[in-house]
Amino acid sequence: MQAWRVHRNGEPSEVMRLEEVDRPTPGEGQALIKVLAANINFPDALLCRGQYQVRPPLPFTPGVEICGETEDGRRVIANPALPHGGLAEYIVADTAALLPAPEALDDAEAAAMHIGYQTGWFGLHRRAGLKEGETLLVHAAAGGVGSAAVQLGKAAGATVIGVVGGAEKAAVARELGCDVVIDRRSDDIVAAVKEATGGRGADVIYDPVGGDAYTKSAKCVAFEGRIVIVGFASGDIPAPALNHALVKNYSIMGLHWGLYAVKDPASILRCHETLTAYAAKGLIKPHISERVAFKDAAGAVQRVADGTTTGRLVVLPKEVTR
């Protein structure tokens, strides 16, 4: 079979190679799955760079999220067992963690629903307790992680403010349902949030960016607001001023979604059932900006790494026609 493999750490476009390899062999409690679509996530770029919290042995195949087909014909969502990642024709995954792909979504959409939407659900509901009528501020609202949070915020009955970089991403954020869109390149984020909320600030802030985005968040979070730290796509990990959190009465909470699979695995299935119902009702639908040919996967991972994309880029193996 064909698979993209990384033999040394570096930028995705420089270190990813398309190679002929043997199909992976499932271990005990694992299943062999034919890849129908592989969603590209920012962690795939971090894996290539050797900067992710999980460091598979070299050589490895990136790709942490797929929609695939089991040997008995079931269409499923899976997180591949590294080092055999999803940018390949076949992967292996833990049988117990397989989830049924929502019927309302095609293969590319299903591949993009799992990590981003589960992260959004746990961040907004289990961690931040987002309530109907509250204001949600989402950084990188046109990106893969942010776009999921926007849709989930609207489904929860929140007023959603999206922060983006540039006119093209602003248009995508409006299409996703943002009530207010702020272009960080031309607008004063803090002033715009205060204006949109009558001076109160945002009740919940969803931050997958870090750096300056966090700094601005602390300046426009509401009394008893919650800032959810999802990631550091900017590459800058901020050091919060805890005296400021004390004075303004707001909470800073981290979210490592992967821990729920270890600490509370049943919650993953419950969340998936909720998201599947949302998809059936049309409340959520991954924004697939590009369906990428398998031969172009390395360039697509690089674009995600560079932060130049909107929505989701999904790689389709060459033999898949549907």
C-alpha atoms as a PDB file:
ATOM      1  CA  MET A   1       0.000   0.000   0.000  1.00  0.00           C
ATOM      2  CA  GLN A   2       0.977   3.661  -0.196  1.00  0.00           C
ATOM      3  CA  ALA A   3       1.595   5.786   2.894  1.00  0.00           C
ATOM      4  CA  TRP A   4       3.157   9.131   3.701  1.00  0.00           C
ATOM      5  CA  ARG A   5       6.056   8.641   6.095  1.00  0.00           C
ATOM      6  CA  VAL A   6       8.343  10.868   8.137  1.00  0.00           C
ATOM      7  CA  HIS A   7      11.957   9.707   8.585  1.00  0.00           C
ATOM      8  CA  ARG A   8      13.262  12.839  10.313  1.00  0.00           C
ATOM      9  CA  ASN A   9      11.627  15.759  12.087  1.00  0.00           C
ATOM     10  CA  GLY A  10      11.079  19.064  10.324  1.00  0.00           C
ATOM     11  CA  GLU A  11       8.539  20.996   8.281  1.00  0.00           C
ATOM     12  CA  PRO A  12       5.891  18.701   6.759  1.00  0.00           C
ATOM     13  CA  SER A  13       6.623  19.647   3.145  1.00  0.00           C
ATOM     14  CA  GLU A  14      10.286  18.791   3.677  1.00  0.00           C
ATOM     15  CA  VAL A  15      10.075  15.552   5.670  1.00  0.00           C
ATOM     16  CA  MET A  16       6.947  13.748   4.426  1.00  0.00           C
ATOM     17  CA  ARG A  17       7.622  11.116   1.746  1.00  0.00           C
ATOM     18  CA  LEU A  18       5.134   9.012  -0.217  1.00  0.00           C
ATOM     19  CA  GLU A  19       6.289   5.389  -0.047  1.00  0.00           C
ATOM     20  CA  GLU A  20       5.221   1.816  -0.736  1.00  0.00           C
ATOM     21  CA  VAL A  21       4.921  -0.045   2.566  1.00  0.00           C
ATOM     22  CA  ASP A  22       3.313  -3.193   3.920  1.00  0.00           C
ATOM     23  CA  ARG A  23      -0.160  -2.995   5.377  1.00  0.00           C
ATOM     24  CA  PRO A  24      -0.034  -2.663   9.157  1.00  0.00           C
ATOM     25  CA  THR A  25      -0.871  -5.781  11.116  1.00  0.00           C
ATOM     26  CA  PRO A  26      -3.540  -5.394  13.831  1.00  0.00           C
ATOM     27  CA  GLY A  27      -2.463  -6.332  17.329  1.00  0.00           C
ATOM     28  CA  GLU A  28      -4.671  -7.770  20.030  1.00  0.00           C
ATOM     29  CA  GLY A  29      -7.824  -5.657  20.402  1.00  0.00           C
ATOM     30  CA  GLN A  30      -7.172  -3.799  17.133  1.00  0.00           C
ATOM     31  CA  ALA A  31      -8.826  -3.718  13.715  1.00  0.00           C
ATOM     32  CA  LEU A  32      -7.507  -3.155  10.190  1.00  0.00           C
ATOM     33  CA  ILE A  33      -9.383  -0.284   8.547  1.00  0.00           C
ATOM     34  CA  LYS A  34      -9.415   0.932   4.959  1.00  0.00           C
ATOM     35  CA  VAL A  35      -9.065   4.714   4.946  1.00  0.00           C
ATOM     36  CA  LEU A  36     -11.889   6.520   3.145  1.00  0.00           C
ATOM     37  CA  ALA A  37     -10.864  10.029   4.225  1.00  0.00           C
ATOM     38  CA  ALA A  38      -8.184  11.464   6.520  1.00  0.00           C
ATOM     39  CA  ASN A  39      -8.712  14.840   8.163  1.00  0.00           C
ATOM     40  CA  ILE A  40      -5.624  16.996   8.647  1.00  0.00           C
ATOM     41  CA  ASN A  41      -5.162  18.454  12.117  1.00  0.00           C
ATOM     42  CA  PHE A  42      -2.563  20.871  13.494  1.00  0.00           C
ATOM     43  CA  PRO A  43      -1.127  18.036  15.638  1.00  0.00           C
ATOM     44  CA  ASP A  44      -0.101  16.343  12.365  1.00  0.00           C
ATOM     45  CA  ALA A  45       2.245  19.269  11.724  1.00  0.00           C
ATOM     46  CA  LEU A  46       3.519  19.101  15.300  1.00  0.00           C
ATOM     47  CA  LEU A  47       4.155  15.368  14.876  1.00  0.00           C
ATOM     48  CA  CYS A  48       6.270  16.097  11.800  1.00  0.00           C
ATOM     49  CA  ARG A  49       8.203  18.717  13.735  1.00  0.00           C
ATOM     50  CA  GLY A  50       8.685  16.460  16.747  1.00  0.00           C
ATOM     51  CA  GLN A  51       6.817  18.967  18.923  1.00  0.00           C
ATOM     52  CA  TYR A  52       3.691  16.997  19.815  1.00  0.00           C
ATOM     53  CA  GLN A  53       3.174  15.477  23.270  1.00  0.00           C
ATOM     54  CA  VAL A  54       3.155  12.060  21.608  1.00  0.00           C
ATOM     55  CA  ARG A  55       6.361  11.219  19.725  1.00  0.00           C
ATOM     56  CA  PRO A  56       6.032   8.031  17.673  1.00  0.00           C
ATOM     57  CA  PRO A  57       9.235   6.259  16.638  1.00  0.00           C
ATOM     58  CA  LEU A  58      10.692   7.171  13.259  1.00  0.00           C
ATOM     59  CA  PRO A  59       9.669   6.481  10.579  1.00  0.00           C
ATOM     60  CA  PHE A  60       5.959   7.111  11.154  1.00  0.00           C
ATOM     61  CA  THR A  61       2.882   8.117   9.191  1.00  0.00           C
ATOM     62  CA  PRO A  62       1.028  11.293  10.298  1.00  0.00           C
ATOM     63  CA  GLY A  63      -2.752  11.474  10.469  1.00  0.00           C
ATOM     64  CA  VAL A  64      -4.669  11.296  13.730  1.00  0.00           C
ATOM     65  CA  GLU A  65      -8.267  11.225  12.486  1.00  0.00           C
ATOM     66  CA  ILE A  66      -9.975   9.208   9.751  1.00  0.00           C
ATOM     67  CA  CYS A  67     -13.231   7.897   8.414  1.00  0.00           C
ATOM     68  CA  GLY A  68     -12.787   4.340   7.233  1.00  0.00           C
ATOM     69  CA  GLU A  69     -14.298   0.973   6.537  1.00  0.00           C
ATOM     70  CA  THR A  70     -13.772  -2.133   8.653  1.00  0.00           C
ATOM     71  CA  GLU A  71     -13.186  -5.557   7.148  1.00  0.00           C
ATOM     72  CA  ASP A  72     -16.816  -6.440   7.870  1.00  0.00           C
ATOM     73  CA  GLY A  73     -18.073  -3.368   5.980  1.00  0.00           C
ATOM     74  CA  ARG A  74     -18.875  -0.899   8.767  1.00  0.00           C
ATOM     75  CA  ARG A  75     -18.183   2.796   8.171  1.00  0.00           C
ATOM     76  CA  VAL A  76     -16.431   4.159  11.252  1.00  0.00           C
ATOM     77  CA  ILE A  77     -14.550   7.111  12.717  1.00  0.00           C
ATOM     78  CA  ALA A  78     -11.196   6.197  14.199  1.00  0.00           C
ATOM     79  CA  ASN A  79      -8.000   7.591  15.672  1.00  0.00           C
ATOM     80  CA  PRO A  80      -5.199   5.527  14.096  1.00  0.00           C
ATOM     81  CA  ALA A  81      -2.706   3.775  16.333  1.00  0.00           C
ATOM     82  CA  LEU A  82       0.596   5.549  15.669  1.00  0.00           C
ATOM     83  CA  PRO A  83       3.095   5.057  14.098  1.00  0.00           C
ATOM     84  CA  HIS A  84       0.563   3.903  11.451  1.00  0.00           C
ATOM     85  CA  GLY A  85      -1.258   7.206  10.980  1.00  0.00           C
ATOM     86  CA  GLY A  86      -4.147   8.066   8.721  1.00  0.00           C
ATOM     87  CA  LEU A  87      -2.302   9.404   5.670  1.00  0.00           C
ATOM     88  CA  ALA A  88      -2.170   5.894   4.252  1.00  0.00           C
ATOM     89  CA  GLU A  89      -4.451   3.453   2.470  1.00  0.00           C
ATOM     90  CA  TYR A  90      -4.926   1.330   5.598  1.00  0.00           C
ATOM     91  CA  ILE A  91      -4.550   1.887   9.335  1.00  0.00           C
ATOM     92  CA  VAL A  92      -5.010  -0.053  12.548  1.00  0.00           C
ATOM     93  CA  ALA A  93      -7.042   1.290  15.448  1.00  0.00           C
ATOM     94  CA  ASP A  94      -8.264   0.059  18.816  1.00  0.00           C
ATOM     95  CA  THR A  95     -11.513  -1.805  18.261  1.00  0.00           C
ATOM     96  CA  ALA A  96     -13.068  -0.542  21.490  1.00  0.00           C
ATOM     97  CA  ALA A  97     -12.587   3.090  20.419  1.00  0.00           C
ATOM     98  CA  LEU A  98     -14.232   2.816  16.988  1.00  0.00           C
ATOM     99  CA  LEU A  99     -17.292   5.025  16.552  1.00  0.00           C
ATOM    100  CA  PRO A 100     -20.030   4.725  13.907  1.00  0.00           C
ATOM    101  CA  ALA A 101     -19.721   7.398  11.228  1.00  0.00           C
ATOM    102  CA  PRO A 102     -22.818   9.650  11.220  1.00  0.00           C
ATOM    103  CA  GLU A 103     -25.127   8.803   8.326  1.00  0.00           C
ATOM    104  CA  ALA A 104     -25.849  12.496   7.789  1.00  0.00           C
ATOM    105  CA  LEU A 105     -22.200  13.178   6.849  1.00  0.00           C
ATOM    106  CA  ASP A 106     -20.154  12.004   3.886  1.00  0.00           C
ATOM    107  CA  ASP A 107     -16.725  10.429   4.364  1.00  0.00           C
ATOM    108  CA  ALA A 108     -14.770  13.692   4.387  1.00  0.00           C
ATOM    109  CA  GLU A 109     -17.201  15.365   6.780  1.00  0.00           C
ATOM    110  CA  ALA A 110     -17.244  12.352   9.091  1.00  0.00           C
ATOM    111  CA  ALA A 111     -13.432  12.289   9.166  1.00  0.00           C
ATOM    112  CA  ALA A 112     -13.462  15.899  10.360  1.00  0.00           C
ATOM    113  CA  MET A 113     -16.125  15.558  13.035  1.00  0.00           C
ATOM    114  CA  HIS A 114     -14.395  13.645  15.777  1.00  0.00           C
ATOM    115  CA  ILE A 115     -11.469  15.494  17.375  1.00  0.00           C
ATOM    116  CA  GLY A 116     -12.473  19.106  16.669  1.00  0.00           C
ATOM    117  CA  TYR A 117     -16.108  18.716  17.677  1.00  0.00           C
ATOM    118  CA  GLN A 118     -15.413  16.533  20.691  1.00  0.00           C
ATOM    119  CA  THR A 119     -12.834  19.081  21.835  1.00  0.00           C
ATOM    120  CA  GLY A 120     -15.383  21.838  21.343  1.00  0.00           C
ATOM    121  CA  TRP A 121     -18.115  19.977  23.204  1.00  0.00           C
ATOM    122  CA  PHE A 122     -15.962  19.123  26.211  1.00  0.00           C
ATOM    123  CA  GLY A 123     -14.441  22.600  26.279  1.00  0.00           C
ATOM    124  CA  LEU A 124     -17.685  24.535  26.025  1.00  0.00           C
ATOM    125  CA  HIS A 125     -19.964  22.280  28.047  1.00  0.00           C
ATOM    126  CA  ARG A 126     -18.055  20.057  30.451  1.00  0.00           C
ATOM    127  CA  ARG A 127     -15.334  22.594  31.249  1.00  0.00           C
ATOM    128  CA  ALA A 128     -16.887  26.038  30.729  1.00  0.00           C
ATOM    129  CA  GLY A 129     -20.570  25.223  31.289  1.00  0.00           C
ATOM    130  CA  LEU A 130     -21.736  27.437  28.432  1.00  0.00           C
ATOM    131  CA  LYS A 131     -25.351  28.518  28.932  1.00  0.00           C
ATOM    132  CA  GLU A 132     -28.026  29.638  26.533  1.00  0.00           C
ATOM    133  CA  GLY A 133     -27.961  33.409  26.154  1.00  0.00           C
ATOM    134  CA  GLU A 134     -24.278  33.772  27.097  1.00  0.00           C
ATOM    135  CA  THR A 135     -21.677  35.304  24.811  1.00  0.00           C
ATOM    136  CA  LEU A 136     -18.984  33.030  23.388  1.00  0.00           C
ATOM    137  CA  LEU A 137     -15.795  34.439  21.878  1.00  0.00           C
ATOM    138  CA  VAL A 138     -13.931  32.066  19.539  1.00  0.00           C
ATOM    139  CA  HIS A 139     -10.384  32.776  18.360  1.00  0.00           C
ATOM    140  CA  ALA A 140      -9.399  31.452  14.905  1.00  0.00           C
ATOM    141  CA  ALA A 141     -13.111  31.079  14.231  1.00  0.00           C
ATOM    142  CA  ALA A 142     -12.638  30.151  10.564  1.00  0.00           C
ATOM    143  CA  GLY A 143     -10.122  27.390  11.292  1.00  0.00           C
ATOM    144  CA  GLY A 144     -10.826  23.718  11.846  1.00  0.00           C
ATOM    145  CA  VAL A 145     -11.012  23.814  15.645  1.00  0.00           C
ATOM    146  CA  GLY A 146     -12.606  27.247  15.843  1.00  0.00           C
ATOM    147  CA  SER A 147     -15.295  26.529  13.251  1.00  0.00           C
ATOM    148  CA  ALA A 148     -16.472  23.548  15.301  1.00  0.00           C
ATOM    149  CA  ALA A 149     -16.720  25.714  18.420  1.00  0.00           C
ATOM    150  CA  VAL A 150     -18.719  28.334  16.498  1.00  0.00           C
ATOM    151  CA  GLN A 151     -21.309  25.775  15.382  1.00  0.00           C
ATOM    152  CA  LEU A 152     -21.528  24.207  18.836  1.00  0.00           C
ATOM    153  CA  GLY A 153     -21.913  27.634  20.416  1.00  0.00           C
ATOM    154  CA  LYS A 154     -24.801  28.474  18.116  1.00  0.00           C
ATOM    155  CA  ALA A 155     -26.386  25.072  18.816  1.00  0.00           C
ATOM    156  CA  ALA A 156     -26.212  25.902  22.538  1.00  0.00           C
ATOM    157  CA  GLY A 157     -28.066  29.180  22.033  1.00  0.00           C
ATOM    158  CA  ALA A 158     -25.074  31.441  22.643  1.00  0.00           C
ATOM    159  CA  THR A 159     -24.245  34.704  20.918  1.00  0.00           C
ATOM    160  CA  VAL A 160     -21.006  33.941  19.078  1.00  0.00           C
ATOM    161  CA  ILE A 161     -18.221  36.419  18.379  1.00  0.00           C
ATOM    162  CA  GLY A 162     -15.563  35.124  15.999  1.00  0.00           C
ATOM    163  CA  VAL A 163     -12.022  36.458  15.724  1.00  0.00           C
ATOM    164  CA  VAL A 164     -10.247  35.846  12.410  1.00  0.00           C
ATOM    165  CA  GLY A 165      -7.311  37.129  10.392  1.00  0.00           C
ATOM    166  CA  GLY A 166      -8.287  38.627   7.043  1.00  0.00           C
ATOM    167  CA  ALA A 167     -11.330  39.286   4.891  1.00  0.00           C
ATOM    168  CA  GLU A 168     -11.524  35.766   3.422  1.00  0.00           C
ATOM    169  CA  LYS A 169     -11.640  34.161   6.857  1.00  0.00           C
ATOM    170  CA  ALA A 170     -14.149  36.793   8.023  1.00  0.00           C
ATOM    171  CA  ALA A 171     -16.500  35.725   5.235  1.00  0.00           C
ATOM    172  CA  VAL A 172     -16.179  32.071   6.298  1.00  0.00           C
ATOM    173  CA  ALA A 173     -16.883  32.970   9.934  1.00  0.00           C
ATOM    174  CA  ARG A 174     -20.085  34.730   8.925  1.00  0.00           C
ATOM    175  CA  GLU A 175     -21.158  31.709   6.875  1.00  0.00           C
ATOM    176  CA  LEU A 176     -20.560  29.514   9.903  1.00  0.00           C
ATOM    177  CA  GLY A 177     -23.028  31.598  11.899  1.00  0.00           C
ATOM    178  CA  CYS A 178     -20.974  34.096  13.910  1.00  0.00           C
ATOM    179  CA  ASP A 179     -23.161  36.940  15.141  1.00  0.00           C
ATOM    180  CA  VAL A 180     -20.180  39.297  15.244  1.00  0.00           C
ATOM    181  CA  VAL A 181     -16.902  38.914  13.325  1.00  0.00           C
ATOM    182  CA  ILE A 182     -13.704  40.695  14.359  1.00  0.00           C
ATOM    183  CA  ASP A 183     -10.717  40.902  12.015  1.00  0.00           C
ATOM    184  CA  ARG A 184      -7.655  40.971  14.263  1.00  0.00           C
ATOM    185  CA  ARG A 185      -5.622  42.511  11.447  1.00  0.00           C
ATOM    186  CA  SER A 186      -7.707  45.672  11.313  1.00  0.00           C
ATOM    187  CA  ASP A 187      -9.945  45.738  14.416  1.00  0.00           C
ATOM    188  CA  ASP A 188      -9.233  46.328  18.091  1.00  0.00           C
ATOM    189  CA  ILE A 189     -10.354  42.991  19.541  1.00  0.00           C
ATOM    190  CA  VAL A 190     -10.883  44.209  23.087  1.00  0.00           C
ATOM    191  CA  ALA A 191     -12.822  47.317  22.067  1.00  0.00           C
ATOM    192  CA  ALA A 192     -14.953  45.357  19.601  1.00  0.00           C
ATOM    193  CA  VAL A 193     -15.876  42.718  22.179  1.00  0.00           C
ATOM    194  CA  LYS A 194     -16.762  45.377  24.741  1.00  0.00           C
ATOM    195  CA  GLU A 195     -18.908  47.183  22.181  1.00  0.00           C
ATOM    196  CA  ALA A 196     -20.704  43.983  21.139  1.00  0.00           C
ATOM    197  CA  THR A 197     -21.462  43.051  24.755  1.00  0.00           C
ATOM    198  CA  GLY A 198     -22.425  46.469  26.094  1.00  0.00           C
ATOM    199  CA  GLY A 199     -19.166  46.683  28.040  1.00  0.00           C
ATOM    200  CA  ARG A 200     -19.646  43.377  29.861  1.00  0.00           C
ATOM    201  CA  GLY A 201     -17.201  41.190  27.945  1.00  0.00           C
ATOM    202  CA  ALA A 202     -17.442  37.579  26.790  1.00  0.00           C
ATOM    203  CA  ASP A 203     -18.746  34.932  29.190  1.00  0.00           C
ATOM    204  CA  VAL A 204     -16.744  32.112  27.598  1.00  0.00           C
ATOM    205  CA  ILE A 205     -13.608  32.469  25.492  1.00  0.00           C
ATOM    206  CA  TYR A 206     -12.366  29.543  23.403  1.00  0.00           C
ATOM    207  CA  ASP A 207      -8.670  29.894  22.648  1.00  0.00           C
ATOM    208  CA  PRO A 208      -6.769  27.453  20.419  1.00  0.00           C
ATOM    209  CA  VAL A 209      -4.173  30.125  19.580  1.00  0.00           C
ATOM    210  CA  GLY A 210      -2.399  31.319  22.729  1.00  0.00           C
ATOM    211  CA  GLY A 211       0.071  34.205  22.628  1.00  0.00           C
ATOM    212  CA  ASP A 212      -1.491  37.587  21.942  1.00  0.00           C
ATOM    213  CA  ALA A 213      -4.950  36.002  21.593  1.00  0.00           C
ATOM    214  CA  TYR A 214      -4.811  35.011  25.254  1.00  0.00           C
ATOM    215  CA  THR A 215      -3.583  38.456  26.283  1.00  0.00           C
ATOM    216  CA  LYS A 216      -6.555  40.054  24.534  1.00  0.00           C
ATOM    217  CA  SER A 217      -8.913  37.474  26.031  1.00  0.00           C
ATOM    218  CA  ALA A 218      -7.948  38.414  29.588  1.00  0.00           C
ATOM    219  CA  LYS A 219      -8.782  42.034  28.795  1.00  0.00           C
ATOM    220  CA  CYS A 220     -12.289  41.344  27.499  1.00  0.00           C
ATOM    221  CA  VAL A 221     -13.528  38.420  29.599  1.00  0.00           C
ATOM    222  CA  ALA A 222     -16.683  39.078  31.604  1.00  0.00           C
ATOM    223  CA  PHE A 223     -17.125  38.959  35.375  1.00  0.00           C
ATOM    224  CA  GLU A 224     -17.107  35.250  36.296  1.00  0.00           C
ATOM    225  CA  GLY A 225     -16.150  34.454  32.706  1.00  0.00           C
ATOM    226  CA  ARG A 226     -14.237  31.365  31.631  1.00  0.00           C
ATOM    227  CA  ILE A 227     -11.224  31.230  29.320  1.00  0.00           C
ATOM    228  CA  VAL A 228     -10.762  27.733  27.857  1.00  0.00           C
ATOM    229  CA  ILE A 229      -7.189  26.982  26.765  1.00  0.00           C
ATOM    230  CA  VAL A 230      -7.342  24.536  23.865  1.00  0.00           C
ATOM    231  CA  GLY A 231      -3.939  24.912  22.202  1.00  0.00           C
ATOM    232  CA  PHE A 232      -1.121  27.172  21.121  1.00  0.00           C
ATOM    233  CA  ALA A 233      -1.305  27.409  17.341  1.00  0.00           C
ATOM    234  CA  SER A 234       0.604  30.709  17.510  1.00  0.00           C
ATOM    235  CA  GLY A 235       3.582  28.863  18.957  1.00  0.00           C
ATOM    236  CA  ASP A 236       3.580  31.204  21.958  1.00  0.00           C
ATOM    237  CA  ILE A 237       2.566  29.734  25.316  1.00  0.00           C
ATOM    238  CA  PRO A 238       1.409  32.622  27.548  1.00  0.00           C
ATOM    239  CA  ALA A 239       2.111  32.991  31.255  1.00  0.00           C
ATOM    240  CA  PRO A 240      -1.182  34.166  32.812  1.00  0.00           C
ATOM    241  CA  ALA A 241      -1.130  36.868  35.464  1.00  0.00           C
ATOM    242  CA  LEU A 242      -3.039  35.103  38.220  1.00  0.00           C
ATOM    243  CA  ASN A 243      -3.473  38.327  40.182  1.00  0.00           C
ATOM    244  CA  HIS A 244      -5.475  39.622  37.201  1.00  0.00           C
ATOM    245  CA  ALA A 245      -7.737  36.554  37.278  1.00  0.00           C
ATOM    246  CA  LEU A 246      -8.269  37.143  40.993  1.00  0.00           C
ATOM    247  CA  VAL A 247      -9.135  40.820  40.616  1.00  0.00           C
ATOM    248  CA  LYS A 248     -11.555  40.260  37.710  1.00  0.00           C
ATOM    249  CA  ASN A 249     -13.114  37.009  39.029  1.00  0.00           C
ATOM    250  CA  TYR A 250     -12.597  34.873  35.940  1.00  0.00           C
ATOM    251  CA  SER A 251     -11.445  31.297  35.464  1.00  0.00           C
ATOM    252  CA  ILE A 252      -8.634  29.934  33.289  1.00  0.00           C
ATOM    253  CA  MET A 253      -9.222  26.287  32.433  1.00  0.00           C
ATOM    254  CA  GLY A 254      -7.226  23.867  30.350  1.00  0.00           C
ATOM    255  CA  LEU A 255      -8.638  21.237  28.047  1.00  0.00           C
ATOM    256  CA  HIS A 256      -6.740  18.105  27.029  1.00  0.00           C
ATOM    257  CA  TRP A 257      -9.482  16.165  25.287  1.00  0.00           C
ATOM    258  CA  GLY A 258      -7.368  13.033  24.901  1.00  0.00           C
ATOM    259  CA  LEU A 259      -7.359  12.506  28.664  1.00  0.00           C
ATOM    260  CA  TYR A 260     -11.078  11.729  28.656  1.00  0.00           C
ATOM    261  CA  ALA A 261     -10.379   8.524  26.729  1.00  0.00           C
ATOM    262  CA  VAL A 262      -8.310   7.423  29.732  1.00  0.00           C
ATOM    263  CA  LYS A 263     -10.153   9.027  32.658  1.00  0.00           C
ATOM    264  CA  ASP A 264     -13.757   8.753  31.455  1.00  0.00           C
ATOM    265  CA  PRO A 265     -14.027   6.755  28.199  1.00  0.00           C
ATOM    266  CA  ALA A 266     -17.811   6.475  28.447  1.00  0.00           C
ATOM    267  CA  SER A 267     -18.037  10.253  28.067  1.00  0.00           C
ATOM    268  CA  ILE A 268     -16.505  10.017  24.577  1.00  0.00           C
ATOM    269  CA  LEU A 269     -19.327   7.777  23.393  1.00  0.00           C
ATOM    270  CA  ARG A 270     -21.992   9.971  25.026  1.00  0.00           C
ATOM    271  CA  CYS A 271     -20.521  13.023  23.315  1.00  0.00           C
ATOM    272  CA  HIS A 272     -20.407  11.203  19.964  1.00  0.00           C
ATOM    273  CA  GLU A 273     -24.072  10.279  20.283  1.00  0.00           C
ATOM    274  CA  THR A 274     -24.927  13.927  20.944  1.00  0.00           C
ATOM    275  CA  LEU A 275     -22.854  15.133  18.007  1.00  0.00           C
ATOM    276  CA  THR A 276     -24.390  12.507  15.719  1.00  0.00           C
ATOM    277  CA  ALA A 277     -27.863  13.747  16.684  1.00  0.00           C
ATOM    278  CA  TYR A 278     -26.747  17.338  16.035  1.00  0.00           C
ATOM    279  CA  ALA A 279     -25.481  16.337  12.582  1.00  0.00           C
ATOM    280  CA  ALA A 280     -28.778  14.622  11.780  1.00  0.00           C
ATOM    281  CA  LYS A 281     -30.622  17.839  12.677  1.00  0.00           C
ATOM    282  CA  GLY A 282     -28.256  19.984  10.620  1.00  0.00           C
ATOM    283  CA  LEU A 283     -26.959  21.852  13.667  1.00  0.00           C
ATOM    284  CA  ILE A 284     -23.346  20.943  12.908  1.00  0.00           C
ATOM    285  CA  LYS A 285     -21.537  20.114   9.683  1.00  0.00           C
ATOM    286  CA  PRO A 286     -17.760  20.267   9.286  1.00  0.00           C
ATOM    287  CA  HIS A 287     -16.717  23.010   6.895  1.00  0.00           C
ATOM    288  CA  ILE A 288     -14.602  21.164   4.331  1.00  0.00           C
ATOM    289  CA  SER A 289     -12.740  23.826   2.420  1.00  0.00           C
ATOM    290  CA  GLU A 290     -10.755  21.365   0.308  1.00  0.00           C
ATOM    291  CA  ARG A 291     -10.780  17.660  -0.524  1.00  0.00           C
ATOM    292  CA  VAL A 292      -7.139  16.943  -1.186  1.00  0.00           C
ATOM    293  CA  ALA A 293      -5.738  14.319  -3.547  1.00  0.00           C
ATOM    294  CA  PHE A 294      -3.574  11.757  -1.770  1.00  0.00           C
ATOM    295  CA  LYS A 295      -0.485  12.820  -3.716  1.00  0.00           C
ATOM    296  CA  ASP A 296      -0.826  16.373  -2.376  1.00  0.00           C
ATOM    297  CA  ALA A 297      -1.073  15.486   1.310  1.00  0.00           C
ATOM    298  CA  ALA A 298       2.335  16.865   2.338  1.00  0.00           C
ATOM    299  CA  GLY A 299       1.545  20.303   0.942  1.00  0.00           C
ATOM    300  CA  ALA A 300      -1.821  20.294   2.665  1.00  0.00           C
ATOM    301  CA  VAL A 301      -0.271  19.477   6.050  1.00  0.00           C
ATOM    302  CA  GLN A 302       2.196  22.318   5.479  1.00  0.00           C
ATOM    303  CA  ARG A 303      -0.606  24.786   4.793  1.00  0.00           C
ATOM    304  CA  VAL A 304      -2.342  23.784   8.005  1.00  0.00           C
ATOM    305  CA  ALA A 305       0.988  24.218   9.797  1.00  0.00           C
ATOM    306  CA  ASP A 306       1.350  27.701   8.310  1.00  0.00           C
ATOM    307  CA  GLY A 307      -2.152  28.745   9.381  1.00  0.00           C
ATOM    308  CA  THR A 308      -3.208  29.772   5.873  1.00  0.00           C
ATOM    309  CA  THR A 309      -6.269  27.526   5.625  1.00  0.00           C
ATOM    310  CA  THR A 310      -9.923  27.897   6.521  1.00  0.00           C
ATOM    311  CA  GLY A 311     -12.158  25.094   7.701  1.00  0.00           C
ATOM    312  CA  ARG A 312     -10.901  21.563   7.160  1.00  0.00           C
ATOM    313  CA  LEU A 313      -8.576  19.997   4.610  1.00  0.00           C
ATOM    314  CA  VAL A 314      -9.358  16.306   4.105  1.00  0.00           C
ATOM    315  CA  VAL A 315      -7.156  13.881   2.192  1.00  0.00           C
ATOM    316  CA  LEU A 316      -8.852  11.223   0.050  1.00  0.00           C
ATOM    317  CA  PRO A 317      -6.888   8.067  -0.821  1.00  0.00           C
ATOM    318  CA  LYS A 318      -6.480   7.690  -4.576  1.00  0.00           C
ATOM    319  CA  GLU A 319      -8.575   4.541  -4.923  1.00  0.00           C
ATOM    320  CA  VAL A 320     -11.621   6.029  -3.177  1.00  0.00           C
ATOM    321  CA  THR A 321     -14.225   7.275  -5.670  1.00  0.00           C
ATOM    322  CA  ARG A 322     -17.270   8.032  -3.590  1.00  0.00           C
END
